[in-house]
Amino acid sequence: MGICFLNKFYYICGMNKRSTHYGDVAKWIEKVINSCETYQQTHSARRLVRNFEKQLMRTTPDKYWRDYKYDVIWPLENKLTNKRQSFINKSE
């Protein structure tokens, strides 16, 4: 079964037929972040990043701290933070 999440605007279950390689999942999460149109939607994207991070830590703890945290998770968190900040700036 793919990664699915529900928010009041989207029901996304897009990884069903795609690769589950961490790089493909990270690209998909980036697309989800880019598609957020409201600040509230970024909450679901945040949960998606956190769940992905937990999955990486659980499956490959050594490689997570050596590679994934800095090369995969931090860039996603940065992109999400920038997206959230853009919504905050628009509302001011």
Protein backbone atom coordinates (compact mmCIF):
# COMPACT_ATOMS: atom_id res chain seq x y z
CA MET A 1 0.00 0.00 0.00
CA GLY A 2 1.23 3.49 -0.76
CA ILE A 3 1.65 6.49 1.45
CA CYS A 4 -1.70 8.23 1.85
CA PHE A 5 -2.80 11.24 3.79
CA LEU A 6 -6.01 13.14 4.04
CA ASN A 7 -6.46 16.83 4.47
CA LYS A 8 -9.50 18.88 3.70
CA PHE A 9 -8.28 19.70 0.18
CA TYR A 10 -6.35 16.62 -0.91
CA TYR A 11 -6.45 12.90 -0.68
CA ILE A 12 -3.06 11.82 -1.90
CA CYS A 13 -2.17 8.22 -2.45
CA GLY A 14 0.38 8.67 -5.17
CA MET A 15 3.15 6.24 -4.34
CA ASN A 16 1.13 3.07 -5.02
CA LYS A 17 2.59 2.39 -8.45
CA ARG A 18 5.91 4.16 -8.08
CA SER A 19 9.25 3.19 -6.67
CA THR A 20 9.64 3.13 -2.91
CA HIS A 21 13.31 4.12 -3.20
CA TYR A 22 14.04 6.89 -0.70
CA GLY A 23 15.07 9.30 -3.48
CA ASP A 24 11.78 8.82 -5.33
CA VAL A 25 9.81 9.26 -2.11
CA ALA A 26 11.75 12.46 -1.33
CA LYS A 27 10.95 13.83 -4.80
CA TRP A 28 7.28 13.01 -4.31
CA ILE A 29 7.25 14.76 -0.92
CA GLU A 30 8.89 17.78 -2.55
CA LYS A 31 6.07 17.84 -5.11
CA VAL A 32 3.52 17.70 -2.28
CA ILE A 33 5.24 20.65 -0.57
CA ASN A 34 5.28 22.62 -3.82
CA SER A 35 1.58 21.93 -4.36
CA CYS A 36 0.52 23.35 -0.99
CA GLU A 37 -1.77 26.32 -1.59
CA THR A 38 -2.57 27.22 2.02
CA TYR A 39 -0.71 27.30 5.31
CA GLN A 40 -2.98 24.56 6.66
CA GLN A 41 -1.91 22.20 3.88
CA THR A 42 1.69 22.54 5.04
CA HIS A 43 0.69 20.78 8.27
CA SER A 44 -0.03 17.62 6.30
CA ALA A 45 3.24 18.03 4.41
CA ARG A 46 5.05 18.38 7.76
CA ARG A 47 3.54 15.09 8.93
CA LEU A 48 4.61 13.48 5.67
CA VAL A 49 8.23 14.63 6.17
CA ARG A 50 8.21 13.45 9.80
CA ASN A 51 6.80 10.02 8.89
CA PHE A 52 9.38 9.65 6.13
CA GLU A 53 12.13 10.61 8.57
CA LYS A 54 10.92 8.04 11.10
CA GLN A 55 10.82 5.37 8.40
CA LEU A 56 14.40 6.12 7.36
CA MET A 57 15.60 6.07 10.99
CA ARG A 58 13.82 2.78 11.66
CA THR A 59 15.03 0.95 8.54
CA THR A 60 18.62 2.22 8.28
CA PRO A 61 19.70 3.99 11.50
CA ASP A 62 23.43 4.15 10.68
CA LYS A 63 22.94 5.44 7.16
CA TYR A 64 20.26 7.84 8.38
CA TRP A 65 22.70 9.81 10.54
CA ARG A 66 25.51 9.55 8.01
CA ASP A 67 23.59 10.49 4.86
CA TYR A 68 19.84 10.86 4.99
CA LYS A 69 19.46 13.48 7.73
CA TYR A 70 21.65 16.00 5.94
CA ASP A 71 21.10 15.10 2.29
CA VAL A 72 17.39 14.23 2.29
CA ILE A 73 15.49 15.36 5.39
CA TRP A 74 17.05 18.80 5.96
CA PRO A 75 16.45 19.95 2.36
CA LEU A 76 12.79 18.86 2.64
CA GLU A 77 12.42 20.66 5.96
CA ASN A 78 14.04 23.76 4.47
CA LYS A 79 11.69 23.73 1.50
CA LEU A 80 8.71 23.32 3.82
CA THR A 81 9.88 26.15 6.09
CA ASN A 82 10.30 28.44 3.09
CA LYS A 83 6.82 27.53 1.83
CA ARG A 84 5.30 28.25 5.23
CA GLN A 85 7.16 31.55 5.45
CA SER A 86 5.82 32.58 2.05
CA PHE A 87 2.25 32.11 3.35
CA ILE A 88 3.04 34.13 6.45
CA ASN A 89 4.53 36.93 4.35
CA LYS A 90 1.46 36.99 2.08
CA SER A 91 -0.85 37.43 5.04
CA GLU A 92 1.05 40.43 6.44
